[in-house]
C-alpha atoms as a PDB file:
ATOM      1  CA  MET A   1     -11.669  64.171  77.345  1.00  0.00           C
ATOM      2  CA  SER A   2      -9.909  66.320  74.726  1.00  0.00           C
ATOM      3  CA  ASN A   3      -7.350  64.794  72.389  1.00  0.00           C
ATOM      4  CA  ALA A   4      -5.880  68.114  71.338  1.00  0.00           C
ATOM      5  CA  PHE A   5      -2.292  68.688  72.432  1.00  0.00           C
ATOM      6  CA  SER A   6       0.168  71.478  72.281  1.00  0.00           C
ATOM      7  CA  LEU A   7       3.365  71.775  70.306  1.00  0.00           C
ATOM      8  CA  ALA A   8       4.624  74.747  72.243  1.00  0.00           C
ATOM      9  CA  PRO A   9       7.293  72.867  74.137  1.00  0.00           C
ATOM     10  CA  LEU A  10       8.891  71.635  70.862  1.00  0.00           C
ATOM     11  CA  PHE A  11       9.263  75.160  69.558  1.00  0.00           C
ATOM     12  CA  ARG A  12       9.985  76.988  72.875  1.00  0.00           C
ATOM     13  CA  HIS A  13      13.349  78.315  71.419  1.00  0.00           C
ATOM     14  CA  SER A  14      11.865  79.818  68.250  1.00  0.00           C
ATOM     15  CA  VAL A  15      11.373  83.454  68.088  1.00  0.00           C
ATOM     16  CA  GLY A  16       9.019  84.753  65.468  1.00  0.00           C
ATOM     17  CA  PHE A  17       7.607  82.787  62.524  1.00  0.00           C
ATOM     18  CA  ASP A  18       8.822  79.200  62.279  1.00  0.00           C
ATOM     19  CA  ARG A  19       8.622  77.803  58.827  1.00  0.00           C
ATOM     20  CA  PHE A  20       7.712  74.381  59.560  1.00  0.00           C
ATOM     21  CA  ASN A  21       5.780  74.991  63.011  1.00  0.00           C
ATOM     22  CA  ASP A  22       2.851  76.540  61.217  1.00  0.00           C
ATOM     23  CA  LEU A  23       2.652  73.896  58.482  1.00  0.00           C
ATOM     24  CA  PHE A  24       2.656  71.146  60.804  1.00  0.00           C
ATOM     25  CA  GLU A  25       0.230  72.780  63.375  1.00  0.00           C
ATOM     26  CA  SER A  26      -2.185  73.437  60.391  1.00  0.00           C
ATOM     27  CA  ALA A  27      -2.171  69.978  59.385  1.00  0.00           C
ATOM     28  CA  LEU A  28      -2.911  68.719  62.840  1.00  0.00           C
ATOM     29  CA  ARG A  29      -5.780  71.241  63.215  1.00  0.00           C
ATOM     30  CA  ASN A  30      -7.496  71.297  59.864  1.00  0.00           C
ATOM     31  CA  GLU A  31      -9.724  74.261  59.456  1.00  0.00           C
ATOM     32  CA  THR A  32     -12.912  72.272  58.656  1.00  0.00           C
ATOM     33  CA  GLY A  33     -12.361  70.001  61.616  1.00  0.00           C
ATOM     34  CA  SER A  34     -12.670  66.931  59.423  1.00  0.00           C
ATOM     35  CA  SER A  35     -10.585  64.011  59.675  1.00  0.00           C
ATOM     36  CA  TYR A  36     -11.664  62.880  56.275  1.00  0.00           C
ATOM     37  CA  PRO A  37      -9.847  62.030  54.238  1.00  0.00           C
ATOM     38  CA  PRO A  38      -6.754  60.875  56.285  1.00  0.00           C
ATOM     39  CA  TYR A  39      -3.360  62.291  55.462  1.00  0.00           C
ATOM     40  CA  ASN A  40       0.145  62.559  56.620  1.00  0.00           C
ATOM     41  CA  VAL A  41       2.555  65.448  56.581  1.00  0.00           C
ATOM     42  CA  GLU A  42       6.012  64.198  56.159  1.00  0.00           C
ATOM     43  CA  LYS A  43       9.509  66.032  56.394  1.00  0.00           C
ATOM     44  CA  HIS A  44      12.257  64.825  53.947  1.00  0.00           C
ATOM     45  CA  GLY A  45      15.304  66.854  54.698  1.00  0.00           C
ATOM     46  CA  ASP A  46      15.651  70.396  55.831  1.00  0.00           C
ATOM     47  CA  ASP A  47      14.023  71.865  52.923  1.00  0.00           C
ATOM     48  CA  GLN A  48      11.568  69.189  51.502  1.00  0.00           C
ATOM     49  CA  TYR A  49       8.135  68.209  52.664  1.00  0.00           C
ATOM     50  CA  ARG A  50       5.281  66.011  51.452  1.00  0.00           C
ATOM     51  CA  ILE A  51       1.616  65.845  52.184  1.00  0.00           C
ATOM     52  CA  VAL A  52       0.040  62.433  51.400  1.00  0.00           C
ATOM     53  CA  ILE A  53      -3.592  62.156  51.307  1.00  0.00           C
ATOM     54  CA  ALA A  54      -5.489  58.838  51.203  1.00  0.00           C
ATOM     55  CA  VAL A  55      -8.019  59.448  48.177  1.00  0.00           C
ATOM     56  CA  ALA A  56      -9.250  55.762  47.513  1.00  0.00           C
ATOM     57  CA  GLY A  57     -11.573  55.505  44.568  1.00  0.00           C
ATOM     58  CA  LEU A  58     -10.867  58.866  43.159  1.00  0.00           C
ATOM     59  CA  GLN A  59      -8.973  59.612  39.882  1.00  0.00           C
ATOM     60  CA  GLU A  60      -6.928  62.631  38.859  1.00  0.00           C
ATOM     61  CA  GLU A  61     -10.096  64.325  37.268  1.00  0.00           C
ATOM     62  CA  ASP A  62     -11.862  64.017  40.745  1.00  0.00           C
ATOM     63  CA  LEU A  63      -9.241  66.142  42.443  1.00  0.00           C
ATOM     64  CA  ASP A  64      -8.454  69.843  42.431  1.00  0.00           C
ATOM     65  CA  LEU A  65      -5.125  71.492  44.001  1.00  0.00           C
ATOM     66  CA  GLN A  66      -4.985  75.107  44.314  1.00  0.00           C
ATOM     67  CA  VAL A  67      -2.518  77.571  45.836  1.00  0.00           C
ATOM     68  CA  GLU A  68      -3.619  81.071  46.680  1.00  0.00           C
ATOM     69  CA  ARG A  69      -2.040  83.519  49.226  1.00  0.00           C
ATOM     70  CA  GLY A  70      -0.096  80.951  51.037  1.00  0.00           C
ATOM     71  CA  VAL A  71      -2.919  78.310  51.243  1.00  0.00           C
ATOM     72  CA  LEU A  72      -2.842  75.019  49.775  1.00  0.00           C
ATOM     73  CA  THR A  73      -6.318  73.717  49.135  1.00  0.00           C
ATOM     74  CA  VAL A  74      -6.961  70.196  48.019  1.00  0.00           C
ATOM     75  CA  SER A  75     -10.473  69.250  47.122  1.00  0.00           C
ATOM     76  CA  GLY A  76     -12.214  66.307  45.584  1.00  0.00           C
ATOM     77  CA  GLY A  77     -15.191  64.151  45.196  1.00  0.00           C
ATOM     78  CA  ARG A  78     -16.220  61.349  42.950  1.00  0.00           C
ATOM     79  CA  ARG A  79     -17.862  62.702  39.798  1.00  0.00           C
ATOM     80  CA  GLU A  80     -21.186  61.116  38.758  1.00  0.00           C
ATOM     81  CA  ARG A  81     -20.427  58.022  36.893  1.00  0.00           C
ATOM     82  CA  VAL A  82     -23.466  56.127  35.405  1.00  0.00           C
ATOM     83  CA  SER A  83     -23.209  52.419  36.061  1.00  0.00           C
ATOM     84  CA  ASP A  84     -26.570  50.667  35.889  1.00  0.00           C
ATOM     85  CA  ASP A  85     -24.902  47.198  36.053  1.00  0.00           C
ATOM     86  CA  VAL A  86     -23.575  47.550  39.577  1.00  0.00           C
ATOM     87  CA  THR A  87     -25.592  46.800  42.641  1.00  0.00           C
ATOM     88  CA  TYR A  88     -23.677  47.515  46.016  1.00  0.00           C
ATOM     89  CA  LEU A  89     -24.410  44.970  48.703  1.00  0.00           C
ATOM     90  CA  HIS A  90     -22.007  46.860  50.988  1.00  0.00           C
ATOM     91  CA  GLN A  91     -20.240  50.140  49.985  1.00  0.00           C
ATOM     92  CA  GLY A  92     -17.515  50.832  52.600  1.00  0.00           C
ATOM     93  CA  ILE A  93     -15.209  53.043  50.419  1.00  0.00           C
ATOM     94  CA  ALA A  94     -15.965  56.580  51.214  1.00  0.00           C
ATOM     95  CA  GLN A  95     -16.222  58.555  48.109  1.00  0.00           C
ATOM     96  CA  ARG A  96     -17.770  61.795  49.555  1.00  0.00           C
ATOM     97  CA  ALA A  97     -16.599  65.253  48.710  1.00  0.00           C
ATOM     98  CA  PHE A  98     -13.785  66.867  50.796  1.00  0.00           C
ATOM     99  CA  LYS A  99     -11.921  69.927  51.089  1.00  0.00           C
ATOM    100  CA  LEU A 100      -8.510  70.230  53.052  1.00  0.00           C
ATOM    101  CA  SER A 101      -6.573  73.512  53.569  1.00  0.00           C
ATOM    102  CA  PHE A 102      -2.981  73.765  54.611  1.00  0.00           C
ATOM    103  CA  ARG A 103      -1.379  77.103  55.449  1.00  0.00           C
ATOM    104  CA  LEU A 104       2.184  77.094  53.857  1.00  0.00           C
ATOM    105  CA  ALA A 105       4.987  79.005  55.778  1.00  0.00           C
ATOM    106  CA  ASP A 106       7.005  81.529  53.923  1.00  0.00           C
ATOM    107  CA  HIS A 107       9.167  80.355  51.031  1.00  0.00           C
ATOM    108  CA  ILE A 108       7.394  76.976  50.804  1.00  0.00           C
ATOM    109  CA  GLU A 109       6.302  76.248  47.321  1.00  0.00           C
ATOM    110  CA  VAL A 110       4.355  73.310  45.672  1.00  0.00           C
ATOM    111  CA  LYS A 111       6.758  71.436  43.498  1.00  0.00           C
ATOM    112  CA  GLY A 112       4.266  68.958  42.056  1.00  0.00           C
ATOM    113  CA  ALA A 113       1.659  66.259  42.773  1.00  0.00           C
ATOM    114  CA  ALA A 114       1.175  62.791  42.052  1.00  0.00           C
ATOM    115  CA  LEU A 115      -1.564  60.128  42.334  1.00  0.00           C
ATOM    116  CA  ASN A 116      -0.357  56.517  42.899  1.00  0.00           C
ATOM    117  CA  HIS A 117      -2.264  53.456  44.252  1.00  0.00           C
ATOM    118  CA  GLY A 118      -4.822  55.697  45.916  1.00  0.00           C
ATOM    119  CA  LEU A 119      -2.449  58.053  47.642  1.00  0.00           C
ATOM    120  CA  LEU A 120      -2.121  61.749  46.374  1.00  0.00           C
ATOM    121  CA  SER A 121       1.336  62.922  47.227  1.00  0.00           C
ATOM    122  CA  VAL A 122       1.973  66.780  47.169  1.00  0.00           C
ATOM    123  CA  GLU A 123       5.576  67.690  47.169  1.00  0.00           C
ATOM    124  CA  LEU A 124       6.722  70.956  48.796  1.00  0.00           C
ATOM    125  CA  VAL A 125      10.014  72.684  48.828  1.00  0.00           C
ATOM    126  CA  ARG A 126      11.433  75.566  50.734  1.00  0.00           C
ATOM    127  CA  ILE A 127      13.140  77.998  48.549  1.00  0.00           C
ATOM    128  CA  VAL A 128      14.694  80.828  50.593  1.00  0.00           C
ATOM    129  CA  PRO A 129      15.802  83.857  48.406  1.00  0.00           C
ATOM    130  CA  GLU A 130      19.257  85.200  48.921  1.00  0.00           C
ATOM    131  CA  GLU A 131      18.057  88.465  50.752  1.00  0.00           C
ATOM    132  CA  ALA A 132      16.226  86.112  53.264  1.00  0.00           C
ATOM    133  CA  LYS A 133      19.164  83.950  54.196  1.00  0.00           C
ATOM    134  CA  PRO A 134      21.181  84.521  57.363  1.00  0.00           C
ATOM    135  CA  LYS A 135      23.812  87.141  57.410  1.00  0.00           C
ATOM    136  CA  ARG A 136      26.783  87.497  59.934  1.00  0.00           C
ATOM    137  CA  ILE A 137      26.680  90.704  62.005  1.00  0.00           C
ATOM    138  CA  ALA A 138      29.862  92.141  63.371  1.00  0.00           C
ATOM    139  CA  ILE A 139      29.857  93.212  66.888  1.00  0.00           C
ATOM    140  CA  ASN A 140      30.451  96.975  67.232  1.00  0.00           C
ATOM    141  CA  GLY A 141      30.361  97.429  63.408  1.00  0.00           C
ATOM    142  CA  GLN A 142      33.991  96.213  63.122  1.00  0.00           C
ATOM    143  CA  GLN A 143      35.203  93.846  60.465  1.00  0.00           C
ATOM    144  CA  PRO A 144      37.901  91.497  61.540  1.00  0.00           C
ATOM    145  CA  ALA A 145      41.315  92.741  60.249  1.00  0.00           C
ATOM    146  CA  LEU A 146      42.937  90.862  57.488  1.00  0.00           C
ATOM    147  CA  GLU A 147      46.380  89.344  58.063  1.00  0.00           C
ATOM    148  CA  GLY A 148      49.014  88.735  55.567  1.00  0.00           C
END
């Protein structure tokens, strides 16, 4: 049984490129097919988004974030640390290398990133330039007459 599902009914009134649809679908269907590490994609208002990735056991120097041609790539893996005084009886915290890619929609920019309590938060914001904002189109090319 497949656990894949379609978001098409949610976006059936969209025509063309939907700014959040692609970001959300990309997060649901990661290119590598891996579910490690777990992550959330959150929407905070009309133009603010956040990707939160669980990176337990990793530090800032173990992580790398890059944006290239509209794709945010987050990769990480524990750097080799020499510690001869530790013998693991059970090692359940995964510290393997990973790479997650998120396709960003038009006008989505990375505002910043922070690592707190084992969670990497990547702040995204949609900044639409003036020429891309909606414009009112007059019917038959006529402007309404000014009264007064």
